[in-house]
């Protein structure tokens, strides 16, 4: 799995887990760490970068294949009410760098891990032009920071997916890179039109990892078409997801997803035996 596009086209990959939940458990001082903006956890990328990078590293040690940038609420439109819109580019750029540095710092044991720049629709009260401008800035900053690809999390009912895609493609063209742009959708009916789905480089079928029933992971892989599975609430939970995904794979790494099986894809030769993939004891450093 040398490139994100190749990995996403074949394997069910494991993402990091409950990032914001974990950050909230740290000793945050609102005035010092959030610049007086209650709840603006994205500011930690600038005020406490060691926390953000450390948590990325903990999930990587737990077995995550994909790290998502800490930018869920880092659009200029989300930061504007707190008076932080002027920090949007730098914040997204630094968030991407921190995720990339974490990937470089944690040995992959023969596996390539990836950074997805996360851009999420937060339901802003903004017109199409303002929305497009904000998304373009955010995607440009994430690409400049070194992400392997962009994930656009836009519910179909908002009607803004086309705006997000247009803005992301403009930003990618400006940066003159080939980073893939994905629409992220939960497993189940897509909701987006077939015409719209011609524009992204692919669709991430995301299955969150907070299900209680014991067979959810097998169902997500075998029946529901998941291509990316969320990690757990803690790095330890994520390590358990890593173990279970490897048990579902013929080669002890990651199973082929349903779409790859349908087109007759075959597993490439494994680089690392499953016995060498284990939970690093350092995952508990932020627990």
C-alpha atoms as a PDB file:
ATOM      1  CA  UNK A   1       0.000   0.000   0.000  1.00  0.00           C
ATOM      2  CA  UNK A   2       2.314   2.717  -1.228  1.00  0.00           C
ATOM      3  CA  UNK A   3      -0.201   5.455  -1.993  1.00  0.00           C
ATOM      4  CA  UNK A   4      -3.428   6.458  -0.340  1.00  0.00           C
ATOM      5  CA  UNK A   5      -5.369   5.945  -3.579  1.00  0.00           C
ATOM      6  CA  UNK A   6      -4.133   2.362  -3.876  1.00  0.00           C
ATOM      7  CA  UNK A   7      -4.850   1.564  -0.246  1.00  0.00           C
ATOM      8  CA  UNK A   8      -8.354   3.062  -0.283  1.00  0.00           C
ATOM      9  CA  UNK A   9      -9.173   1.216  -3.523  1.00  0.00           C
ATOM     10  CA  UNK A  10      -8.619  -2.196  -1.959  1.00  0.00           C
ATOM     11  CA  UNK A  11      -8.345  -2.434   1.811  1.00  0.00           C
ATOM     12  CA  UNK A  12     -10.582  -1.673   4.772  1.00  0.00           C
ATOM     13  CA  UNK A  13      -8.386   0.778   6.656  1.00  0.00           C
ATOM     14  CA  UNK A  14      -8.395   1.737  10.318  1.00  0.00           C
ATOM     15  CA  UNK A  15      -8.649   5.407  11.288  1.00  0.00           C
ATOM     16  CA  UNK A  16      -7.777   7.083  14.551  1.00  0.00           C
ATOM     17  CA  UNK A  17     -10.356   7.277  17.291  1.00  0.00           C
ATOM     18  CA  UNK A  18     -12.236   9.782  19.436  1.00  0.00           C
ATOM     19  CA  UNK A  19      -9.774  12.649  19.129  1.00  0.00           C
ATOM     20  CA  UNK A  20     -11.773  15.508  20.600  1.00  0.00           C
ATOM     21  CA  UNK A  21     -13.012  13.338  23.454  1.00  0.00           C
ATOM     22  CA  UNK A  22      -9.425  12.501  24.380  1.00  0.00           C
ATOM     23  CA  UNK A  23      -8.316  16.125  24.217  1.00  0.00           C
ATOM     24  CA  UNK A  24     -11.106  17.168  26.583  1.00  0.00           C
ATOM     25  CA  UNK A  25      -9.653  14.865  29.239  1.00  0.00           C
ATOM     26  CA  UNK A  26      -6.375  16.784  29.269  1.00  0.00           C
ATOM     27  CA  UNK A  27      -5.807  19.637  31.773  1.00  0.00           C
ATOM     28  CA  UNK A  28      -6.906  22.426  29.435  1.00  0.00           C
ATOM     29  CA  UNK A  29      -6.768  25.982  30.721  1.00  0.00           C
ATOM     30  CA  UNK A  30      -9.266  27.970  28.651  1.00  0.00           C
ATOM     31  CA  UNK A  31      -7.450  31.271  28.957  1.00  0.00           C
ATOM     32  CA  UNK A  32      -3.964  29.892  28.326  1.00  0.00           C
ATOM     33  CA  UNK A  33      -4.606  26.993  25.920  1.00  0.00           C
ATOM     34  CA  UNK A  34      -7.748  28.096  24.053  1.00  0.00           C
ATOM     35  CA  UNK A  35      -6.947  31.818  24.028  1.00  0.00           C
ATOM     36  CA  UNK A  36     -10.080  32.444  26.082  1.00  0.00           C
ATOM     37  CA  UNK A  37     -12.362  30.746  23.527  1.00  0.00           C
ATOM     38  CA  UNK A  38     -14.326  28.101  25.370  1.00  0.00           C
ATOM     39  CA  UNK A  39     -14.615  24.827  23.457  1.00  0.00           C
ATOM     40  CA  UNK A  40     -12.373  25.825  20.532  1.00  0.00           C
ATOM     41  CA  UNK A  41     -10.203  22.726  20.712  1.00  0.00           C
ATOM     42  CA  UNK A  42      -8.663  23.333  17.276  1.00  0.00           C
ATOM     43  CA  UNK A  43      -6.665  26.165  18.870  1.00  0.00           C
ATOM     44  CA  UNK A  44      -4.616  23.469  20.632  1.00  0.00           C
ATOM     45  CA  UNK A  45      -2.811  22.874  17.323  1.00  0.00           C
ATOM     46  CA  UNK A  46      -1.175  26.254  17.906  1.00  0.00           C
ATOM     47  CA  UNK A  47      -1.094  26.550  21.692  1.00  0.00           C
ATOM     48  CA  UNK A  48      -0.395  22.917  22.634  1.00  0.00           C
ATOM     49  CA  UNK A  49       0.997  21.212  19.505  1.00  0.00           C
ATOM     50  CA  UNK A  50       2.721  18.571  21.645  1.00  0.00           C
ATOM     51  CA  UNK A  51      -0.672  17.377  22.887  1.00  0.00           C
ATOM     52  CA  UNK A  52      -2.139  17.089  19.398  1.00  0.00           C
ATOM     53  CA  UNK A  53       0.896  15.365  17.925  1.00  0.00           C
ATOM     54  CA  UNK A  54       1.191  13.083  20.965  1.00  0.00           C
ATOM     55  CA  UNK A  55      -2.375  11.891  20.591  1.00  0.00           C
ATOM     56  CA  UNK A  56      -1.847  11.263  16.867  1.00  0.00           C
ATOM     57  CA  UNK A  57       1.191   9.189  17.766  1.00  0.00           C
ATOM     58  CA  UNK A  58      -0.742   7.205  20.375  1.00  0.00           C
ATOM     59  CA  UNK A  59      -3.350   6.164  17.807  1.00  0.00           C
ATOM     60  CA  UNK A  60      -0.628   5.289  15.293  1.00  0.00           C
ATOM     61  CA  UNK A  61       1.055   3.050  17.861  1.00  0.00           C
ATOM     62  CA  UNK A  62      -2.321   1.419  18.417  1.00  0.00           C
ATOM     63  CA  UNK A  63      -2.426   0.406  14.751  1.00  0.00           C
ATOM     64  CA  UNK A  64      -4.242   3.199  12.903  1.00  0.00           C
ATOM     65  CA  UNK A  65      -3.583   3.319   9.151  1.00  0.00           C
ATOM     66  CA  UNK A  66      -5.140   6.757   8.661  1.00  0.00           C
ATOM     67  CA  UNK A  67      -4.738   9.846  10.821  1.00  0.00           C
ATOM     68  CA  UNK A  68      -7.298  12.607  10.319  1.00  0.00           C
ATOM     69  CA  UNK A  69      -6.237  16.169  10.945  1.00  0.00           C
ATOM     70  CA  UNK A  70      -7.643  17.974  13.979  1.00  0.00           C
ATOM     71  CA  UNK A  71      -9.566  20.407  11.743  1.00  0.00           C
ATOM     72  CA  UNK A  72     -13.210  19.434  12.081  1.00  0.00           C
ATOM     73  CA  UNK A  73     -14.142  22.954  13.203  1.00  0.00           C
ATOM     74  CA  UNK A  74     -11.222  24.814  11.609  1.00  0.00           C
ATOM     75  CA  UNK A  75     -12.996  26.446   8.680  1.00  0.00           C
ATOM     76  CA  UNK A  76     -12.904  30.260   8.669  1.00  0.00           C
ATOM     77  CA  UNK A  77     -16.700  30.077   8.919  1.00  0.00           C
ATOM     78  CA  UNK A  78     -16.462  28.055  12.144  1.00  0.00           C
ATOM     79  CA  UNK A  79     -13.680  30.175  13.611  1.00  0.00           C
ATOM     80  CA  UNK A  80     -15.310  33.496  12.711  1.00  0.00           C
ATOM     81  CA  UNK A  81     -17.743  33.721  15.663  1.00  0.00           C
ATOM     82  CA  UNK A  82     -14.754  33.405  18.012  1.00  0.00           C
ATOM     83  CA  UNK A  83     -12.822  36.086  16.151  1.00  0.00           C
ATOM     84  CA  UNK A  84     -10.261  33.572  14.871  1.00  0.00           C
ATOM     85  CA  UNK A  85     -10.982  33.554  11.133  1.00  0.00           C
ATOM     86  CA  UNK A  86      -7.632  35.216  10.412  1.00  0.00           C
ATOM     87  CA  UNK A  87      -5.888  32.215  12.004  1.00  0.00           C
ATOM     88  CA  UNK A  88      -7.668  29.668   9.782  1.00  0.00           C
ATOM     89  CA  UNK A  89      -4.962  29.118   7.179  1.00  0.00           C
ATOM     90  CA  UNK A  90      -2.133  28.788   9.664  1.00  0.00           C
ATOM     91  CA  UNK A  91      -4.178  26.602  11.996  1.00  0.00           C
ATOM     92  CA  UNK A  92      -5.031  24.122   9.238  1.00  0.00           C
ATOM     93  CA  UNK A  93      -1.469  24.181   7.943  1.00  0.00           C
ATOM     94  CA  UNK A  94      -0.041  23.407  11.384  1.00  0.00           C
ATOM     95  CA  UNK A  95      -2.669  20.707  12.020  1.00  0.00           C
ATOM     96  CA  UNK A  96      -1.589  18.959   8.815  1.00  0.00           C
ATOM     97  CA  UNK A  97       2.069  19.256   9.740  1.00  0.00           C
ATOM     98  CA  UNK A  98       1.491  17.798  13.210  1.00  0.00           C
ATOM     99  CA  UNK A  99      -0.295  14.766  11.758  1.00  0.00           C
ATOM    100  CA  UNK A 100       2.450  14.249   9.171  1.00  0.00           C
ATOM    101  CA  UNK A 101       5.173  14.587  11.813  1.00  0.00           C
ATOM    102  CA  UNK A 102       3.413  11.951  13.919  1.00  0.00           C
ATOM    103  CA  UNK A 103       3.337   9.528  10.990  1.00  0.00           C
ATOM    104  CA  UNK A 104       7.039  10.119  10.392  1.00  0.00           C
ATOM    105  CA  UNK A 105       7.856   9.632  14.082  1.00  0.00           C
ATOM    106  CA  UNK A 106       6.099   6.303  14.705  1.00  0.00           C
ATOM    107  CA  UNK A 107       7.575   3.225  12.981  1.00  0.00           C
ATOM    108  CA  UNK A 108       5.097   1.618  10.618  1.00  0.00           C
ATOM    109  CA  UNK A 109       6.587  -1.878  10.861  1.00  0.00           C
ATOM    110  CA  UNK A 110       6.521  -2.183   7.084  1.00  0.00           C
ATOM    111  CA  UNK A 111       3.143  -0.493   6.602  1.00  0.00           C
ATOM    112  CA  UNK A 112       2.558   2.903   5.082  1.00  0.00           C
ATOM    113  CA  UNK A 113       0.248   5.160   7.098  1.00  0.00           C
ATOM    114  CA  UNK A 114      -1.577   8.185   5.706  1.00  0.00           C
ATOM    115  CA  UNK A 115      -2.870  11.617   6.701  1.00  0.00           C
ATOM    116  CA  UNK A 116      -6.336  12.723   5.617  1.00  0.00           C
ATOM    117  CA  UNK A 117      -7.125  16.416   5.791  1.00  0.00           C
ATOM    118  CA  UNK A 118     -10.597  16.585   7.312  1.00  0.00           C
ATOM    119  CA  UNK A 119     -13.050  19.247   6.129  1.00  0.00           C
ATOM    120  CA  UNK A 120     -16.509  18.991   7.668  1.00  0.00           C
ATOM    121  CA  UNK A 121     -19.705  20.877   6.932  1.00  0.00           C
ATOM    122  CA  UNK A 122     -20.742  22.517  10.208  1.00  0.00           C
ATOM    123  CA  UNK A 123     -24.050  23.868   8.912  1.00  0.00           C
ATOM    124  CA  UNK A 124     -22.909  27.464   8.570  1.00  0.00           C
ATOM    125  CA  UNK A 125     -25.325  30.254   7.731  1.00  0.00           C
ATOM    126  CA  UNK A 126     -23.314  31.392   4.717  1.00  0.00           C
ATOM    127  CA  UNK A 127     -23.965  31.801   1.030  1.00  0.00           C
ATOM    128  CA  UNK A 128     -22.392  29.675  -1.726  1.00  0.00           C
ATOM    129  CA  UNK A 129     -19.615  32.179  -2.525  1.00  0.00           C
ATOM    130  CA  UNK A 130     -18.529  32.565   1.102  1.00  0.00           C
ATOM    131  CA  UNK A 131     -18.691  28.807   1.649  1.00  0.00           C
ATOM    132  CA  UNK A 132     -16.604  28.072  -1.417  1.00  0.00           C
ATOM    133  CA  UNK A 133     -13.994  30.651  -0.443  1.00  0.00           C
ATOM    134  CA  UNK A 134     -13.714  29.236   3.082  1.00  0.00           C
ATOM    135  CA  UNK A 135     -13.371  25.631   1.905  1.00  0.00           C
ATOM    136  CA  UNK A 136     -10.810  26.583  -0.707  1.00  0.00           C
ATOM    137  CA  UNK A 137      -8.663  28.271   1.955  1.00  0.00           C
ATOM    138  CA  UNK A 138      -8.924  25.320   4.308  1.00  0.00           C
ATOM    139  CA  UNK A 139      -8.074  22.708   1.675  1.00  0.00           C
ATOM    140  CA  UNK A 140      -5.174  24.783   0.348  1.00  0.00           C
ATOM    141  CA  UNK A 141      -3.720  25.014   3.867  1.00  0.00           C
ATOM    142  CA  UNK A 142      -4.105  21.274   4.486  1.00  0.00           C
ATOM    143  CA  UNK A 143      -2.421  20.400   1.199  1.00  0.00           C
ATOM    144  CA  UNK A 144       0.384  22.878   1.905  1.00  0.00           C
ATOM    145  CA  UNK A 145       0.848  21.173   5.278  1.00  0.00           C
ATOM    146  CA  UNK A 146       1.501  17.844   3.571  1.00  0.00           C
ATOM    147  CA  UNK A 147      -1.664  15.716   3.798  1.00  0.00           C
ATOM    148  CA  UNK A 148      -1.953  12.647   1.565  1.00  0.00           C
ATOM    149  CA  UNK A 149      -5.583  13.370   0.694  1.00  0.00           C
ATOM    150  CA  UNK A 150      -8.673  15.381   1.566  1.00  0.00           C
ATOM    151  CA  UNK A 151     -11.877  14.004   3.121  1.00  0.00           C
ATOM    152  CA  UNK A 152     -14.972  16.167   2.616  1.00  0.00           C
ATOM    153  CA  UNK A 153     -17.596  15.238   5.199  1.00  0.00           C
ATOM    154  CA  UNK A 154     -20.745  16.797   3.725  1.00  0.00           C
ATOM    155  CA  UNK A 155     -24.173  15.279   4.448  1.00  0.00           C
ATOM    156  CA  UNK A 156     -26.154  15.099   1.189  1.00  0.00           C
ATOM    157  CA  UNK A 157     -29.165  16.866   2.701  1.00  0.00           C
ATOM    158  CA  UNK A 158     -27.202  20.110   3.038  1.00  0.00           C
ATOM    159  CA  UNK A 159     -26.977  20.477  -0.743  1.00  0.00           C
ATOM    160  CA  UNK A 160     -23.424  21.831  -0.406  1.00  0.00           C
ATOM    161  CA  UNK A 161     -21.388  18.850  -1.598  1.00  0.00           C
ATOM    162  CA  UNK A 162     -20.926  20.351  -5.079  1.00  0.00           C
ATOM    163  CA  UNK A 163     -19.610  23.583  -3.531  1.00  0.00           C
ATOM    164  CA  UNK A 164     -17.165  21.647  -1.353  1.00  0.00           C
ATOM    165  CA  UNK A 165     -15.909  19.618  -4.304  1.00  0.00           C
ATOM    166  CA  UNK A 166     -15.495  22.652  -6.533  1.00  0.00           C
ATOM    167  CA  UNK A 167     -13.576  24.527  -3.853  1.00  0.00           C
ATOM    168  CA  UNK A 168     -11.343  21.541  -3.044  1.00  0.00           C
ATOM    169  CA  UNK A 169     -10.488  20.979  -6.697  1.00  0.00           C
ATOM    170  CA  UNK A 170      -9.631  24.666  -7.132  1.00  0.00           C
ATOM    171  CA  UNK A 171      -7.323  24.543  -4.109  1.00  0.00           C
ATOM    172  CA  UNK A 172      -5.633  21.386  -5.386  1.00  0.00           C
ATOM    173  CA  UNK A 173      -5.097  22.968  -8.780  1.00  0.00           C
ATOM    174  CA  UNK A 174      -3.604  26.059  -7.202  1.00  0.00           C
ATOM    175  CA  UNK A 175      -1.186  23.904  -5.186  1.00  0.00           C
ATOM    176  CA  UNK A 176      -0.326  21.852  -8.300  1.00  0.00           C
ATOM    177  CA  UNK A 177      -0.477  18.499  -6.511  1.00  0.00           C
ATOM    178  CA  UNK A 178      -2.328  15.247  -7.138  1.00  0.00           C
ATOM    179  CA  UNK A 179      -3.646  14.599  -3.624  1.00  0.00           C
ATOM    180  CA  UNK A 180      -6.961  12.706  -3.962  1.00  0.00           C
ATOM    181  CA  UNK A 181     -10.194  14.347  -2.873  1.00  0.00           C
ATOM    182  CA  UNK A 182     -12.800  12.082  -1.291  1.00  0.00           C
ATOM    183  CA  UNK A 183     -16.381  12.504  -0.257  1.00  0.00           C
ATOM    184  CA  UNK A 184     -16.915  10.875   3.126  1.00  0.00           C
ATOM    185  CA  UNK A 185     -20.213   9.122   3.691  1.00  0.00           C
ATOM    186  CA  UNK A 186     -21.471   6.721   6.350  1.00  0.00           C
ATOM    187  CA  UNK A 187     -22.149   3.152   5.309  1.00  0.00           C
ATOM    188  CA  UNK A 188     -25.597   2.595   3.831  1.00  0.00           C
ATOM    189  CA  UNK A 189     -27.322   4.437   0.979  1.00  0.00           C
ATOM    190  CA  UNK A 190     -25.054   7.133  -0.427  1.00  0.00           C
ATOM    191  CA  UNK A 191     -27.620   9.896  -0.850  1.00  0.00           C
ATOM    192  CA  UNK A 192     -25.457  11.877  -3.291  1.00  0.00           C
ATOM    193  CA  UNK A 193     -26.482  11.861  -6.946  1.00  0.00           C
ATOM    194  CA  UNK A 194     -24.617   9.698  -9.459  1.00  0.00           C
ATOM    195  CA  UNK A 195     -23.726  12.852 -11.364  1.00  0.00           C
ATOM    196  CA  UNK A 196     -22.102  14.399  -8.297  1.00  0.00           C
ATOM    197  CA  UNK A 197     -20.152  11.214  -7.584  1.00  0.00           C
ATOM    198  CA  UNK A 198     -18.296  11.602 -10.886  1.00  0.00           C
ATOM    199  CA  UNK A 199     -16.324  14.540  -9.455  1.00  0.00           C
ATOM    200  CA  UNK A 200     -14.482  13.257  -6.351  1.00  0.00           C
ATOM    201  CA  UNK A 201     -11.594  10.824  -6.676  1.00  0.00           C
ATOM    202  CA  UNK A 202     -13.529   8.341  -4.580  1.00  0.00           C
ATOM    203  CA  UNK A 203     -15.992   7.910  -1.734  1.00  0.00           C
ATOM    204  CA  UNK A 204     -14.910   6.949   1.761  1.00  0.00           C
ATOM    205  CA  UNK A 205     -17.573   4.712   3.292  1.00  0.00           C
ATOM    206  CA  UNK A 206     -16.925   5.483   6.937  1.00  0.00           C
ATOM    207  CA  UNK A 207     -18.086   3.294   9.811  1.00  0.00           C
ATOM    208  CA  UNK A 208     -17.720   4.942  13.196  1.00  0.00           C
ATOM    209  CA  UNK A 209     -16.207   2.715  15.839  1.00  0.00           C
ATOM    210  CA  UNK A 210     -18.609   3.326  18.729  1.00  0.00           C
ATOM    211  CA  UNK A 211     -21.001   0.425  18.249  1.00  0.00           C
ATOM    212  CA  UNK A 212     -21.981  -1.758  21.151  1.00  0.00           C
ATOM    213  CA  UNK A 213     -23.065  -4.969  19.374  1.00  0.00           C
ATOM    214  CA  UNK A 214     -20.251  -7.480  19.111  1.00  0.00           C
ATOM    215  CA  UNK A 215     -20.459  -8.326  15.410  1.00  0.00           C
ATOM    216  CA  UNK A 216     -20.565  -4.751  14.045  1.00  0.00           C
ATOM    217  CA  UNK A 217     -17.072  -4.836  12.573  1.00  0.00           C
ATOM    218  CA  UNK A 218     -17.596  -8.052  10.629  1.00  0.00           C
ATOM    219  CA  UNK A 219     -20.905  -6.736   9.294  1.00  0.00           C
ATOM    220  CA  UNK A 220     -19.357  -3.417   8.292  1.00  0.00           C
ATOM    221  CA  UNK A 221     -16.627  -5.206   6.339  1.00  0.00           C
ATOM    222  CA  UNK A 222     -18.584  -8.094   4.849  1.00  0.00           C
ATOM    223  CA  UNK A 223     -22.047  -6.637   4.270  1.00  0.00           C
ATOM    224  CA  UNK A 224     -22.132  -2.850   4.584  1.00  0.00           C
ATOM    225  CA  UNK A 225     -19.240  -1.880   2.325  1.00  0.00           C
ATOM    226  CA  UNK A 226     -17.102   0.054   4.801  1.00  0.00           C
ATOM    227  CA  UNK A 227     -13.755   1.252   3.471  1.00  0.00           C
ATOM    228  CA  UNK A 228     -12.619   3.157   6.578  1.00  0.00           C
ATOM    229  CA  UNK A 229     -13.357   2.117  10.149  1.00  0.00           C
ATOM    230  CA  UNK A 230     -13.053   4.512  13.048  1.00  0.00           C
ATOM    231  CA  UNK A 231     -10.876   3.672  16.005  1.00  0.00           C
ATOM    232  CA  UNK A 232     -12.188   3.493  19.523  1.00  0.00           C
ATOM    233  CA  UNK A 233     -12.572   5.929  22.385  1.00  0.00           C
ATOM    234  CA  UNK A 234      -9.035   5.172  23.545  1.00  0.00           C
ATOM    235  CA  UNK A 235      -5.845   3.964  21.867  1.00  0.00           C
ATOM    236  CA  UNK A 236      -6.397   0.632  23.636  1.00  0.00           C
ATOM    237  CA  UNK A 237      -9.825   0.287  21.999  1.00  0.00           C
ATOM    238  CA  UNK A 238      -8.233   1.136  18.662  1.00  0.00           C
ATOM    239  CA  UNK A 239      -5.618  -1.581  19.176  1.00  0.00           C
ATOM    240  CA  UNK A 240      -8.462  -4.065  19.626  1.00  0.00           C
ATOM    241  CA  UNK A 241      -9.977  -2.886  16.321  1.00  0.00           C
ATOM    242  CA  UNK A 242      -6.588  -3.397  14.702  1.00  0.00           C
ATOM    243  CA  UNK A 243      -6.484  -6.963  16.024  1.00  0.00           C
ATOM    244  CA  UNK A 244     -10.002  -7.769  14.841  1.00  0.00           C
ATOM    245  CA  UNK A 245      -9.429  -6.322  11.376  1.00  0.00           C
ATOM    246  CA  UNK A 246      -6.332  -8.481  11.017  1.00  0.00           C
ATOM    247  CA  UNK A 247      -8.344 -11.552  12.007  1.00  0.00           C
ATOM    248  CA  UNK A 248     -10.764 -10.755   9.158  1.00  0.00           C
ATOM    249  CA  UNK A 249      -7.940 -10.517   6.607  1.00  0.00           C
ATOM    250  CA  UNK A 250      -6.589 -13.453   4.641  1.00  0.00           C
ATOM    251  CA  UNK A 251      -3.035 -12.153   5.020  1.00  0.00           C
ATOM    252  CA  UNK A 252      -3.296 -10.964   8.621  1.00  0.00           C
ATOM    253  CA  UNK A 253      -3.114  -7.263   7.715  1.00  0.00           C
ATOM    254  CA  UNK A 254      -6.297  -5.682   6.363  1.00  0.00           C
ATOM    255  CA  UNK A 255      -9.253  -7.295   4.568  1.00  0.00           C
ATOM    256  CA  UNK A 256     -10.297  -6.366   1.068  1.00  0.00           C
ATOM    257  CA  UNK A 257     -13.414  -4.226   1.133  1.00  0.00           C
ATOM    258  CA  UNK A 258     -16.624  -5.279  -0.580  1.00  0.00           C
ATOM    259  CA  UNK A 259     -16.148  -3.190  -3.735  1.00  0.00           C
ATOM    260  CA  UNK A 260     -12.644  -4.586  -4.250  1.00  0.00           C
ATOM    261  CA  UNK A 261     -13.890  -8.148  -3.805  1.00  0.00           C
ATOM    262  CA  UNK A 262     -16.690  -7.501  -6.285  1.00  0.00           C
ATOM    263  CA  UNK A 263     -14.251  -6.523  -9.018  1.00  0.00           C
ATOM    264  CA  UNK A 264     -12.031  -9.524  -8.320  1.00  0.00           C
ATOM    265  CA  UNK A 265      -9.117  -7.755  -6.635  1.00  0.00           C
ATOM    266  CA  UNK A 266      -6.533  -9.979  -5.006  1.00  0.00           C
ATOM    267  CA  UNK A 267      -4.443  -9.337  -1.941  1.00  0.00           C
ATOM    268  CA  UNK A 268      -0.880  -8.362  -2.700  1.00  0.00           C
ATOM    269  CA  UNK A 269       1.895 -10.227  -0.946  1.00  0.00           C
ATOM    270  CA  UNK A 270       2.058  -9.208   2.686  1.00  0.00           C
ATOM    271  CA  UNK A 271       5.077  -7.167   3.713  1.00  0.00           C
ATOM    272  CA  UNK A 272       4.801  -7.776   7.440  1.00  0.00           C
ATOM    273  CA  UNK A 273       3.586 -10.958   9.162  1.00  0.00           C
ATOM    274  CA  UNK A 274       0.664 -10.369  11.471  1.00  0.00           C
ATOM    275  CA  UNK A 275       2.643 -11.664  14.433  1.00  0.00           C
ATOM    276  CA  UNK A 276       4.894  -8.608  14.274  1.00  0.00           C
ATOM    277  CA  UNK A 277       2.004  -6.164  14.567  1.00  0.00           C
ATOM    278  CA  UNK A 278       1.228  -5.517  18.218  1.00  0.00           C
ATOM    279  CA  UNK A 279       0.195  -2.765  20.553  1.00  0.00           C
ATOM    280  CA  UNK A 280       3.110  -0.564  21.476  1.00  0.00           C
ATOM    281  CA  UNK A 281       3.156  -0.133  25.285  1.00  0.00           C
ATOM    282  CA  UNK A 282       3.517   3.614  24.818  1.00  0.00           C
ATOM    283  CA  UNK A 283      -0.093   3.943  23.653  1.00  0.00           C
ATOM    284  CA  UNK A 284      -1.080   4.464  27.257  1.00  0.00           C
ATOM    285  CA  UNK A 285       0.951   7.662  27.599  1.00  0.00           C
ATOM    286  CA  UNK A 286      -2.150   9.843  27.064  1.00  0.00           C
ATOM    287  CA  UNK A 287      -4.676   7.460  28.570  1.00  0.00           C
END
